[in-house]
Structure formats: structure tokens, C-alpha cells
N, C-alpha and C. Protein backbone atom coordinates (compact mmCIF):
# COMPACT_ATOMS: atom_id res chain seq x y z
N UNK A 1 0.82 -1.19 0.00
CA UNK A 1 0.00 0.00 0.00
C UNK A 1 0.86 1.25 0.00
N UNK A 2 1.95 1.27 0.80
CA UNK A 2 2.81 2.44 0.83
C UNK A 2 3.46 2.68 -0.52
N UNK A 3 3.79 1.60 -1.26
CA UNK A 3 4.36 1.76 -2.59
C UNK A 3 3.36 2.45 -3.50
N UNK A 4 2.09 2.06 -3.41
CA UNK A 4 1.04 2.68 -4.21
C UNK A 4 0.93 4.16 -3.88
N UNK A 5 0.96 4.50 -2.60
CA UNK A 5 0.84 5.89 -2.19
C UNK A 5 2.00 6.72 -2.70
N UNK A 6 3.21 6.17 -2.63
CA UNK A 6 4.37 6.91 -3.12
C UNK A 6 4.31 7.08 -4.63
N UNK A 7 3.83 6.04 -5.35
CA UNK A 7 3.73 6.12 -6.80
C UNK A 7 2.71 7.18 -7.20
N UNK A 8 1.61 7.26 -6.46
CA UNK A 8 0.58 8.26 -6.74
C UNK A 8 1.07 9.65 -6.34
N UNK A 9 2.02 9.70 -5.43
CA UNK A 9 2.59 10.97 -5.01
C UNK A 9 1.83 11.62 -3.86
N UNK A 10 1.08 10.84 -3.10
CA UNK A 10 0.33 11.38 -1.98
C UNK A 10 1.06 11.11 -0.68
N UNK A 11 0.90 12.00 0.30
CA UNK A 11 1.57 11.78 1.57
C UNK A 11 1.03 10.54 2.27
N UNK A 12 1.92 9.72 2.76
CA UNK A 12 1.54 8.48 3.43
C UNK A 12 0.71 8.76 4.68
N UNK A 13 1.04 9.83 5.41
CA UNK A 13 0.33 10.13 6.65
C UNK A 13 -1.16 10.29 6.46
N UNK A 14 -1.57 10.72 5.29
CA UNK A 14 -2.98 10.96 5.03
C UNK A 14 -3.83 9.72 5.24
N UNK A 15 -3.25 8.55 5.05
CA UNK A 15 -4.04 7.33 5.03
C UNK A 15 -3.89 6.47 6.28
N UNK A 16 -3.24 6.97 7.30
CA UNK A 16 -3.11 6.22 8.52
C UNK A 16 -4.22 6.63 9.49
N UNK A 17 -4.82 5.66 10.12
CA UNK A 17 -5.88 5.92 11.08
C UNK A 17 -5.62 5.03 12.29
N UNK A 18 -5.08 5.65 13.36
CA UNK A 18 -4.72 4.91 14.57
C UNK A 18 -3.85 3.69 14.25
N UNK A 19 -2.82 3.94 13.47
CA UNK A 19 -1.84 2.93 13.09
C UNK A 19 -2.38 1.80 12.21
N UNK A 20 -3.55 1.99 11.62
CA UNK A 20 -4.08 1.01 10.69
C UNK A 20 -4.27 1.68 9.34
N UNK A 21 -3.89 0.99 8.29
CA UNK A 21 -4.08 1.55 6.96
C UNK A 21 -5.54 1.36 6.56
N UNK A 22 -6.13 2.43 6.03
CA UNK A 22 -7.52 2.38 5.60
C UNK A 22 -7.63 1.45 4.39
N UNK A 23 -8.66 0.64 4.35
CA UNK A 23 -8.87 -0.32 3.25
C UNK A 23 -9.08 0.42 1.93
N UNK A 24 -8.87 -0.27 0.81
CA UNK A 24 -8.98 0.34 -0.51
C UNK A 24 -10.29 1.06 -0.75
N UNK A 25 -11.41 0.46 -0.35
CA UNK A 25 -12.71 1.08 -0.55
C UNK A 25 -12.77 2.42 0.18
N UNK A 26 -12.33 2.43 1.43
CA UNK A 26 -12.30 3.66 2.21
C UNK A 26 -11.31 4.65 1.64
N UNK A 27 -10.20 4.15 1.11
CA UNK A 27 -9.18 4.99 0.52
C UNK A 27 -9.74 5.74 -0.68
N UNK A 28 -10.46 5.05 -1.55
CA UNK A 28 -11.05 5.70 -2.72
C UNK A 28 -12.03 6.78 -2.30
N UNK A 29 -12.88 6.47 -1.33
CA UNK A 29 -13.86 7.44 -0.85
C UNK A 29 -13.15 8.65 -0.25
N UNK A 30 -12.13 8.40 0.55
CA UNK A 30 -11.37 9.46 1.19
C UNK A 30 -10.70 10.35 0.14
N UNK A 31 -10.10 9.73 -0.87
CA UNK A 31 -9.46 10.50 -1.93
C UNK A 31 -10.46 11.36 -2.69
N UNK A 32 -11.64 10.80 -2.99
CA UNK A 32 -12.67 11.55 -3.70
C UNK A 32 -13.15 12.72 -2.85
N UNK A 33 -13.39 12.48 -1.56
CA UNK A 33 -13.83 13.54 -0.67
C UNK A 33 -12.76 14.63 -0.56
N UNK A 34 -11.51 14.22 -0.44
CA UNK A 34 -10.41 15.17 -0.32
C UNK A 34 -10.33 16.04 -1.57
N UNK A 35 -10.40 15.45 -2.75
CA UNK A 35 -10.32 16.21 -4.00
C UNK A 35 -11.50 17.16 -4.15
N UNK A 36 -12.69 16.71 -3.76
CA UNK A 36 -13.87 17.57 -3.82
C UNK A 36 -13.73 18.76 -2.88
N UNK A 37 -13.23 18.52 -1.67
CA UNK A 37 -13.03 19.61 -0.71
C UNK A 37 -11.98 20.59 -1.22
N UNK A 38 -10.88 20.07 -1.79
CA UNK A 38 -9.84 20.94 -2.33
C UNK A 38 -10.39 21.78 -3.47
N UNK A 39 -11.22 21.17 -4.31
CA UNK A 39 -11.83 21.90 -5.43
C UNK A 39 -12.75 23.00 -4.91
N UNK A 40 -13.55 22.68 -3.89
CA UNK A 40 -14.47 23.67 -3.32
C UNK A 40 -13.69 24.82 -2.68
N UNK A 41 -12.64 24.51 -1.95
CA UNK A 41 -11.80 25.56 -1.34
C UNK A 41 -11.20 26.44 -2.42
N UNK A 42 -10.74 25.83 -3.51
CA UNK A 42 -10.17 26.59 -4.62
C UNK A 42 -11.20 27.56 -5.19
N UNK A 43 -12.43 27.10 -5.37
CA UNK A 43 -13.49 27.97 -5.89
C UNK A 43 -13.77 29.14 -4.95
N UNK A 44 -13.70 28.89 -3.65
CA UNK A 44 -13.99 29.94 -2.67
C UNK A 44 -12.87 30.97 -2.59
N UNK A 45 -11.63 30.50 -2.51
CA UNK A 45 -10.52 31.44 -2.25
C UNK A 45 -9.91 32.03 -3.51
N UNK A 46 -10.16 31.43 -4.67
CA UNK A 46 -9.60 31.95 -5.92
C UNK A 46 -9.88 33.42 -6.14
N UNK A 47 -11.15 33.86 -6.09
CA UNK A 47 -11.45 35.28 -6.28
C UNK A 47 -10.82 36.19 -5.22
N UNK A 48 -10.73 35.70 -3.99
CA UNK A 48 -10.10 36.48 -2.91
C UNK A 48 -8.64 36.75 -3.25
N UNK A 49 -7.93 35.69 -3.66
CA UNK A 49 -6.52 35.84 -3.98
C UNK A 49 -6.32 36.71 -5.22
N UNK A 50 -7.16 36.55 -6.20
CA UNK A 50 -7.06 37.35 -7.43
C UNK A 50 -7.21 38.84 -7.10
N UNK A 51 -8.16 39.16 -6.21
CA UNK A 51 -8.36 40.57 -5.83
C UNK A 51 -7.15 41.13 -5.07
N UNK A 52 -6.35 40.24 -4.49
CA UNK A 52 -5.14 40.66 -3.77
C UNK A 52 -3.90 40.67 -4.66
N UNK A 53 -4.08 40.30 -5.94
CA UNK A 53 -2.94 40.27 -6.85
C UNK A 53 -2.09 39.02 -6.71
N UNK A 54 -2.65 37.97 -6.15
CA UNK A 54 -1.92 36.72 -5.92
C UNK A 54 -2.40 35.64 -6.88
N UNK A 55 -1.52 34.71 -7.17
CA UNK A 55 -1.88 33.52 -7.94
C UNK A 55 -2.01 32.35 -6.98
N UNK A 56 -3.07 31.57 -7.16
CA UNK A 56 -3.24 30.36 -6.37
C UNK A 56 -2.48 29.24 -7.07
N UNK A 57 -1.44 28.73 -6.41
CA UNK A 57 -0.59 27.71 -7.01
C UNK A 57 -0.99 26.30 -6.61
N UNK A 58 -1.76 26.17 -5.53
CA UNK A 58 -2.18 24.84 -5.12
C UNK A 58 -2.90 24.87 -3.79
N UNK A 59 -3.72 23.85 -3.59
CA UNK A 59 -4.44 23.65 -2.34
C UNK A 59 -4.26 22.19 -1.96
N UNK A 60 -3.92 21.93 -0.72
CA UNK A 60 -3.76 20.55 -0.26
C UNK A 60 -4.42 20.41 1.11
N UNK A 61 -5.33 19.45 1.21
CA UNK A 61 -5.96 19.13 2.48
C UNK A 61 -5.33 17.83 2.95
N UNK A 62 -4.60 17.90 4.06
CA UNK A 62 -3.85 16.75 4.56
C UNK A 62 -4.32 16.40 5.96
N UNK A 63 -4.19 15.15 6.30
CA UNK A 63 -4.54 14.69 7.64
C UNK A 63 -3.35 13.92 8.21
N UNK A 64 -2.97 14.29 9.42
CA UNK A 64 -1.89 13.60 10.13
C UNK A 64 -2.42 13.26 11.52
N UNK A 65 -2.68 11.98 11.72
CA UNK A 65 -3.28 11.58 12.98
C UNK A 65 -4.68 12.15 13.09
N UNK A 66 -4.94 12.87 14.17
CA UNK A 66 -6.25 13.49 14.36
C UNK A 66 -6.30 14.93 13.88
N UNK A 67 -5.20 15.43 13.40
CA UNK A 67 -5.13 16.83 12.97
C UNK A 67 -5.28 16.92 11.45
N UNK A 68 -5.95 17.97 11.01
CA UNK A 68 -6.10 18.24 9.58
C UNK A 68 -5.40 19.57 9.28
N UNK A 69 -4.82 19.65 8.10
CA UNK A 69 -4.11 20.84 7.67
C UNK A 69 -4.61 21.24 6.28
N UNK A 70 -4.91 22.51 6.11
CA UNK A 70 -5.24 23.04 4.80
C UNK A 70 -4.07 23.91 4.38
N UNK A 71 -3.34 23.45 3.37
CA UNK A 71 -2.17 24.19 2.87
C UNK A 71 -2.54 24.88 1.58
N UNK A 72 -2.27 26.17 1.54
CA UNK A 72 -2.53 26.98 0.37
C UNK A 72 -1.20 27.55 -0.10
N UNK A 73 -0.90 27.31 -1.37
CA UNK A 73 0.34 27.80 -1.96
C UNK A 73 0.02 28.98 -2.87
N UNK A 74 0.70 30.11 -2.63
CA UNK A 74 0.44 31.33 -3.38
C UNK A 74 1.72 31.83 -4.03
N UNK A 75 1.54 32.67 -5.04
CA UNK A 75 2.69 33.29 -5.69
C UNK A 75 2.23 34.59 -6.31
N UNK A 76 3.18 35.44 -6.63
CA UNK A 76 2.91 36.68 -7.36
C UNK A 76 4.20 37.10 -8.05
N UNK A 77 4.07 37.98 -9.01
CA UNK A 77 5.25 38.49 -9.69
C UNK A 77 6.17 39.15 -8.66
N UNK A 78 7.43 38.80 -8.69
CA UNK A 78 8.38 39.34 -7.74
C UNK A 78 8.53 38.50 -6.48
N UNK A 79 7.72 37.48 -6.35
CA UNK A 79 7.83 36.58 -5.20
C UNK A 79 6.92 36.95 -4.05
N UNK A 80 6.82 36.05 -3.10
CA UNK A 80 5.93 36.18 -1.95
C UNK A 80 6.75 36.48 -0.71
N UNK A 81 6.27 37.42 0.08
CA UNK A 81 6.93 37.76 1.34
C UNK A 81 6.13 37.17 2.51
N UNK A 82 6.72 37.21 3.68
CA UNK A 82 6.03 36.75 4.88
C UNK A 82 4.77 37.58 5.13
N UNK A 83 4.87 38.89 4.90
CA UNK A 83 3.70 39.76 5.08
C UNK A 83 2.57 39.38 4.12
N UNK A 84 2.92 38.97 2.90
CA UNK A 84 1.91 38.50 1.94
C UNK A 84 1.19 37.27 2.50
N UNK A 85 1.95 36.34 3.05
CA UNK A 85 1.36 35.12 3.61
C UNK A 85 0.42 35.44 4.76
N UNK A 86 0.82 36.39 5.62
CA UNK A 86 -0.01 36.78 6.76
C UNK A 86 -1.31 37.42 6.27
N UNK A 87 -1.19 38.33 5.30
CA UNK A 87 -2.37 39.01 4.77
C UNK A 87 -3.32 38.02 4.10
N UNK A 88 -2.78 37.12 3.29
CA UNK A 88 -3.60 36.11 2.63
C UNK A 88 -4.27 35.21 3.66
N UNK A 89 -3.51 34.82 4.67
CA UNK A 89 -4.07 33.96 5.72
C UNK A 89 -5.29 34.60 6.36
N UNK A 90 -5.20 35.87 6.68
CA UNK A 90 -6.32 36.57 7.32
C UNK A 90 -7.54 36.65 6.39
N UNK A 91 -7.30 37.01 5.13
CA UNK A 91 -8.40 37.16 4.18
C UNK A 91 -9.05 35.81 3.87
N UNK A 92 -8.23 34.81 3.64
CA UNK A 92 -8.74 33.48 3.30
C UNK A 92 -9.47 32.87 4.50
N UNK A 93 -8.92 33.04 5.69
CA UNK A 93 -9.56 32.51 6.89
C UNK A 93 -10.95 33.11 7.06
N UNK A 94 -11.08 34.41 6.84
CA UNK A 94 -12.38 35.06 6.97
C UNK A 94 -13.39 34.49 5.97
N UNK A 95 -12.94 34.31 4.73
CA UNK A 95 -13.83 33.77 3.69
C UNK A 95 -14.21 32.32 3.97
N UNK A 96 -13.25 31.53 4.41
CA UNK A 96 -13.55 30.13 4.72
C UNK A 96 -14.45 30.00 5.95
N UNK A 97 -14.32 30.92 6.90
CA UNK A 97 -15.22 30.89 8.06
C UNK A 97 -16.67 31.15 7.64
N UNK A 98 -16.85 32.03 6.66
CA UNK A 98 -18.20 32.33 6.16
C UNK A 98 -18.77 31.14 5.39
N UNK A 99 -17.98 30.59 4.47
CA UNK A 99 -18.44 29.50 3.60
C UNK A 99 -18.44 28.14 4.31
N UNK A 100 -17.49 27.92 5.19
CA UNK A 100 -17.34 26.70 5.99
C UNK A 100 -17.42 25.40 5.15
N UNK A 101 -16.52 25.22 4.17
CA UNK A 101 -16.59 24.04 3.31
C UNK A 101 -16.01 22.77 3.92
N UNK A 102 -15.19 22.90 4.95
CA UNK A 102 -14.50 21.73 5.52
C UNK A 102 -15.20 21.34 6.82
N UNK A 103 -15.72 20.11 6.88
CA UNK A 103 -16.57 19.72 8.00
C UNK A 103 -15.82 19.34 9.29
N UNK A 104 -14.56 19.68 9.39
CA UNK A 104 -13.79 19.37 10.58
C UNK A 104 -12.87 20.54 10.89
N UNK A 105 -12.32 20.57 12.09
CA UNK A 105 -11.37 21.63 12.40
C UNK A 105 -10.05 21.35 11.68
N UNK A 106 -9.34 22.41 11.36
CA UNK A 106 -8.09 22.27 10.62
C UNK A 106 -7.18 23.46 10.93
N UNK A 107 -5.93 23.30 10.59
CA UNK A 107 -4.96 24.38 10.71
C UNK A 107 -4.69 24.91 9.31
N UNK A 108 -4.84 26.21 9.13
CA UNK A 108 -4.59 26.84 7.83
C UNK A 108 -3.11 27.22 7.73
N UNK A 109 -2.48 26.80 6.65
CA UNK A 109 -1.08 27.16 6.39
C UNK A 109 -1.02 27.81 5.02
N UNK A 110 -0.37 28.97 4.94
CA UNK A 110 -0.20 29.69 3.67
C UNK A 110 1.29 29.78 3.40
N UNK A 111 1.67 29.42 2.18
CA UNK A 111 3.09 29.37 1.85
C UNK A 111 3.30 29.66 0.36
N UNK A 112 4.54 29.97 0.02
CA UNK A 112 4.90 30.01 -1.39
C UNK A 112 5.26 28.59 -1.81
N UNK A 113 5.24 28.28 -3.10
CA UNK A 113 5.60 26.93 -3.52
C UNK A 113 7.09 26.63 -3.35
N UNK A 114 7.90 27.64 -3.10
CA UNK A 114 9.33 27.43 -2.88
C UNK A 114 10.15 27.58 -4.15
N UNK A 115 11.44 27.60 -3.98
CA UNK A 115 12.35 27.75 -5.12
C UNK A 115 12.31 26.54 -6.04
N UNK A 116 12.11 25.36 -5.46
CA UNK A 116 12.08 24.13 -6.26
C UNK A 116 10.63 23.69 -6.49
N UNK A 117 9.79 24.65 -6.79
CA UNK A 117 8.36 24.44 -6.94
C UNK A 117 8.03 23.37 -7.98
N UNK A 118 6.96 22.64 -7.77
CA UNK A 118 6.52 21.68 -8.79
C UNK A 118 5.94 22.41 -9.99
N UNK A 119 6.08 21.81 -11.15
CA UNK A 119 5.49 22.33 -12.39
C UNK A 119 4.35 21.39 -12.75
N UNK A 120 3.13 21.91 -12.80
CA UNK A 120 1.97 21.04 -12.96
C UNK A 120 1.18 21.26 -14.25
N UNK A 121 1.38 22.38 -14.91
CA UNK A 121 0.54 22.67 -16.07
C UNK A 121 1.36 23.30 -17.19
N UNK A 122 0.84 23.26 -18.42
CA UNK A 122 1.54 23.92 -19.52
C UNK A 122 1.76 25.41 -19.24
N UNK A 123 0.82 26.05 -18.55
CA UNK A 123 0.97 27.47 -18.23
C UNK A 123 2.19 27.71 -17.35
N UNK A 124 2.42 26.81 -16.41
CA UNK A 124 3.59 26.95 -15.54
C UNK A 124 4.88 26.73 -16.32
N UNK A 125 4.89 25.79 -17.25
CA UNK A 125 6.08 25.59 -18.08
C UNK A 125 6.33 26.84 -18.93
N UNK A 126 5.28 27.43 -19.47
CA UNK A 126 5.43 28.66 -20.26
C UNK A 126 5.95 29.79 -19.38
N UNK A 127 5.42 29.89 -18.20
CA UNK A 127 5.83 30.95 -17.27
C UNK A 127 7.30 30.85 -16.89
N UNK A 128 7.81 29.62 -16.81
CA UNK A 128 9.18 29.43 -16.36
C UNK A 128 10.14 29.06 -17.50
N UNK A 129 9.80 29.46 -18.72
CA UNK A 129 10.74 29.29 -19.84
C UNK A 129 12.04 30.01 -19.50
N UNK A 130 13.16 29.36 -19.80
CA UNK A 130 14.46 29.93 -19.48
C UNK A 130 15.00 29.46 -18.14
N UNK A 131 14.17 28.78 -17.36
CA UNK A 131 14.60 28.27 -16.05
C UNK A 131 14.99 26.81 -16.16
N UNK A 132 15.81 26.37 -15.21
CA UNK A 132 16.26 24.98 -15.15
C UNK A 132 15.20 24.14 -14.44
N UNK A 133 14.95 22.95 -14.98
CA UNK A 133 13.94 22.05 -14.40
C UNK A 133 14.48 20.64 -14.28
N UNK A 134 13.91 19.90 -13.34
CA UNK A 134 14.20 18.48 -13.11
C UNK A 134 12.93 17.73 -13.49
N UNK A 135 13.04 16.84 -14.47
CA UNK A 135 11.88 16.14 -15.01
C UNK A 135 12.08 14.63 -14.87
N UNK A 136 11.03 13.93 -14.43
CA UNK A 136 11.00 12.47 -14.42
C UNK A 136 9.81 12.07 -15.29
N UNK A 137 10.06 11.21 -16.28
CA UNK A 137 9.00 10.80 -17.19
C UNK A 137 8.45 9.42 -16.82
N UNK A 138 7.25 9.16 -17.28
CA UNK A 138 6.61 7.86 -17.06
C UNK A 138 7.24 6.80 -17.97
N UNK A 139 7.47 7.18 -19.22
CA UNK A 139 8.06 6.29 -20.21
C UNK A 139 9.39 6.89 -20.69
N UNK A 140 10.33 6.08 -21.04
CA UNK A 140 11.63 6.60 -21.49
C UNK A 140 11.51 7.49 -22.74
N UNK A 141 12.31 8.53 -22.75
CA UNK A 141 12.47 9.40 -23.91
C UNK A 141 13.95 9.32 -24.26
N UNK A 142 14.25 8.80 -25.43
CA UNK A 142 15.64 8.56 -25.85
C UNK A 142 16.38 7.75 -24.78
N UNK A 143 15.73 6.68 -24.31
CA UNK A 143 16.29 5.72 -23.35
C UNK A 143 16.56 6.30 -21.96
N UNK A 144 15.90 7.40 -21.60
CA UNK A 144 16.06 8.01 -20.27
C UNK A 144 14.70 8.35 -19.69
N UNK A 145 14.64 8.39 -18.37
CA UNK A 145 13.43 8.84 -17.70
C UNK A 145 13.70 10.01 -16.75
N UNK A 146 14.96 10.43 -16.61
CA UNK A 146 15.33 11.51 -15.71
C UNK A 146 16.13 12.56 -16.48
N UNK A 147 15.70 13.83 -16.37
CA UNK A 147 16.36 14.90 -17.12
C UNK A 147 16.50 16.15 -16.25
N UNK A 148 17.61 16.86 -16.43
CA UNK A 148 17.79 18.19 -15.86
C UNK A 148 18.25 19.07 -17.01
N UNK A 149 17.52 20.16 -17.23
CA UNK A 149 17.87 21.07 -18.32
C UNK A 149 17.05 22.33 -18.27
N UNK A 150 17.32 23.22 -19.21
CA UNK A 150 16.60 24.49 -19.28
C UNK A 150 15.36 24.35 -20.16
N UNK A 151 14.25 24.87 -19.67
CA UNK A 151 13.02 24.89 -20.47
C UNK A 151 13.20 26.01 -21.50
N UNK A 152 13.27 25.65 -22.77
CA UNK A 152 13.50 26.69 -23.78
C UNK A 152 12.26 26.98 -24.62
N UNK A 153 11.28 26.10 -24.56
CA UNK A 153 10.05 26.32 -25.31
C UNK A 153 8.95 25.50 -24.66
N UNK A 154 7.74 26.06 -24.59
CA UNK A 154 6.62 25.34 -23.99
C UNK A 154 5.36 25.62 -24.80
N UNK A 155 4.76 24.54 -25.27
CA UNK A 155 3.52 24.64 -26.03
C UNK A 155 2.36 24.11 -25.20
N UNK A 156 1.27 23.80 -25.89
CA UNK A 156 0.08 23.30 -25.19
C UNK A 156 0.16 21.81 -24.88
N UNK A 157 0.94 21.04 -25.67
CA UNK A 157 1.02 19.59 -25.49
C UNK A 157 2.40 19.07 -25.11
N UNK A 158 3.42 19.89 -25.32
CA UNK A 158 4.79 19.45 -25.10
C UNK A 158 5.68 20.64 -24.77
N UNK A 159 6.88 20.34 -24.29
CA UNK A 159 7.87 21.38 -24.05
C UNK A 159 9.23 20.87 -24.51
N UNK A 160 10.15 21.81 -24.69
CA UNK A 160 11.49 21.47 -25.14
C UNK A 160 12.46 21.80 -24.02
N UNK A 161 13.31 20.82 -23.71
CA UNK A 161 14.30 20.96 -22.67
C UNK A 161 15.69 20.96 -23.30
N UNK A 162 16.51 21.94 -22.98
CA UNK A 162 17.89 22.00 -23.44
C UNK A 162 18.75 21.32 -22.39
N UNK A 163 19.31 20.15 -22.76
CA UNK A 163 20.09 19.36 -21.81
C UNK A 163 21.55 19.78 -21.77
N UNK A 164 22.10 20.13 -22.89
CA UNK A 164 23.48 20.63 -22.97
C UNK A 164 23.49 21.69 -24.07
N UNK A 165 24.64 22.13 -24.47
CA UNK A 165 24.71 23.22 -25.45
C UNK A 165 23.88 22.99 -26.70
N UNK A 166 23.90 21.78 -27.20
CA UNK A 166 23.18 21.54 -28.45
C UNK A 166 22.23 20.35 -28.39
N UNK A 167 22.04 19.76 -27.25
CA UNK A 167 21.15 18.61 -27.11
C UNK A 167 19.80 19.07 -26.57
N UNK A 168 18.79 18.99 -27.44
CA UNK A 168 17.42 19.35 -27.06
C UNK A 168 16.57 18.09 -27.05
N UNK A 169 15.58 18.09 -26.17
CA UNK A 169 14.68 16.94 -26.10
C UNK A 169 13.25 17.46 -25.95
N UNK A 170 12.33 16.82 -26.64
CA UNK A 170 10.91 17.19 -26.58
C UNK A 170 10.20 16.19 -25.67
N UNK A 171 9.45 16.69 -24.71
CA UNK A 171 8.73 15.84 -23.77
C UNK A 171 7.25 16.24 -23.77
N UNK A 172 6.39 15.26 -23.91
CA UNK A 172 4.95 15.49 -23.83
C UNK A 172 4.53 15.65 -22.37
N UNK A 173 3.61 16.57 -22.11
CA UNK A 173 3.13 16.76 -20.74
C UNK A 173 2.52 15.47 -20.18
N UNK A 174 1.85 14.73 -21.02
CA UNK A 174 1.19 13.49 -20.57
C UNK A 174 2.20 12.42 -20.14
N UNK A 175 3.47 12.60 -20.49
CA UNK A 175 4.51 11.64 -20.13
C UNK A 175 5.26 12.04 -18.84
N UNK A 176 4.82 13.11 -18.19
CA UNK A 176 5.51 13.59 -16.99
C UNK A 176 5.02 12.85 -15.76
N UNK A 177 5.97 12.30 -15.00
CA UNK A 177 5.66 11.73 -13.71
C UNK A 177 5.81 12.81 -12.64
N UNK A 178 6.96 13.52 -12.66
CA UNK A 178 7.23 14.62 -11.75
C UNK A 178 8.02 15.69 -12.48
N UNK A 179 7.75 16.93 -12.15
CA UNK A 179 8.51 18.05 -12.72
C UNK A 179 8.64 19.14 -11.67
N UNK A 180 9.85 19.64 -11.50
CA UNK A 180 10.12 20.70 -10.53
C UNK A 180 11.14 21.65 -11.11
N UNK A 181 11.13 22.88 -10.62
CA UNK A 181 12.22 23.77 -10.95
C UNK A 181 13.44 23.29 -10.20
N UNK A 182 14.58 23.44 -10.83
CA UNK A 182 15.86 23.05 -10.22
C UNK A 182 16.50 24.30 -9.64
N UNK A 183 16.89 24.25 -8.38
CA UNK A 183 17.52 25.38 -7.73
C UNK A 183 18.98 25.44 -8.16
N UNK A 184 19.39 26.60 -8.64
CA UNK A 184 20.81 26.80 -9.00
C UNK A 184 21.34 27.97 -8.22
N UNK A 185 22.57 27.85 -7.75
CA UNK A 185 23.19 28.92 -6.97
C UNK A 185 24.35 29.50 -7.71
């Protein structure tokens, strides 16, 4: 079961209940409920963040033991400051208190996606053209599944990664297992 969770990319803690792993049927229901709640939270807070000049980069509802956490990842041009996180936390908390979409108590966490942020959509690849990325593919591309290179072009279905001075590789978005920006110093 833990191998399945790691392959899907979900936190293992989410599925533990008093040291017992939830059965597959319960797991599916829990995953569906979690995704629906995340979608509802996104619908509620999206306009709030937009009015503040922020981009919503992700929402994650996680459970660890008896505690639940709602993590909201934000970004804006020029980066996110601690004051931005505090301001967003206050505004989002007020809106979520009014709408009350989550049927349990939780801790709200607001953060930036970080320097090594995940890349999840073609829009993000377009936004970060010229940046270095770490890509893991589902199926081999030219006999490899792991790449580090500069994103030099991004379309709607694929992107081009520059691996060395003259070695370019085209990767379809549907073939991506994981993609992150690579931190360079």
C-alpha cells in the first residue's frame, strides 16, 4: 500500500488511522472527498486571492493523525513575502469561516511553492521558460526517464528541454511523472 501511495505521489500520513491503513474502498472514498473539498476551497478562495494580486498555485488538504491541515500555496510576480502570507491567511480565513466548506477543524497554512516548486501545467512551463527544471517521465524518452535542463520552449502539449549546449529533447506533458524547478546557486 505504501508503494502505491508513493507512486501516486500522496503523503503516506494521510491514510493512517490509529496505526491502521484504511482499506482500498475507504481509501477511494477518502481521496474523492479530499479532491472535492480541495476543489471547493479553490473555488472559494480563488477570487479572494485574485483581488489581492496573488496567484493560487495549489491547495492541499492533509490529515496527520487526528489533525487536519489546509495548505494553500500562493505566488505573485516578484515573489511572496512573509507579510503577503499573513495578509492572505487573514483574508482566506475570513472567507472560509463564512463558507465553511471543511466539516472538521483544521490548521490553515499559507506558503509560497518554494524555489524548487513543482510544475503542474503547460501554463507553468510557459511561465518558467528559461529556467532549469528536473523532469521524471513515465516512459523513457531517448532511453532516459530523468532529465535536468533548461526549459526553452513550452507549447500546449509538449515542451522542449535543453540538456546541454546543443542537445534538445521534446517531452509530452502526458509523459511527466514529476517536474520541478531546479535550484541553481
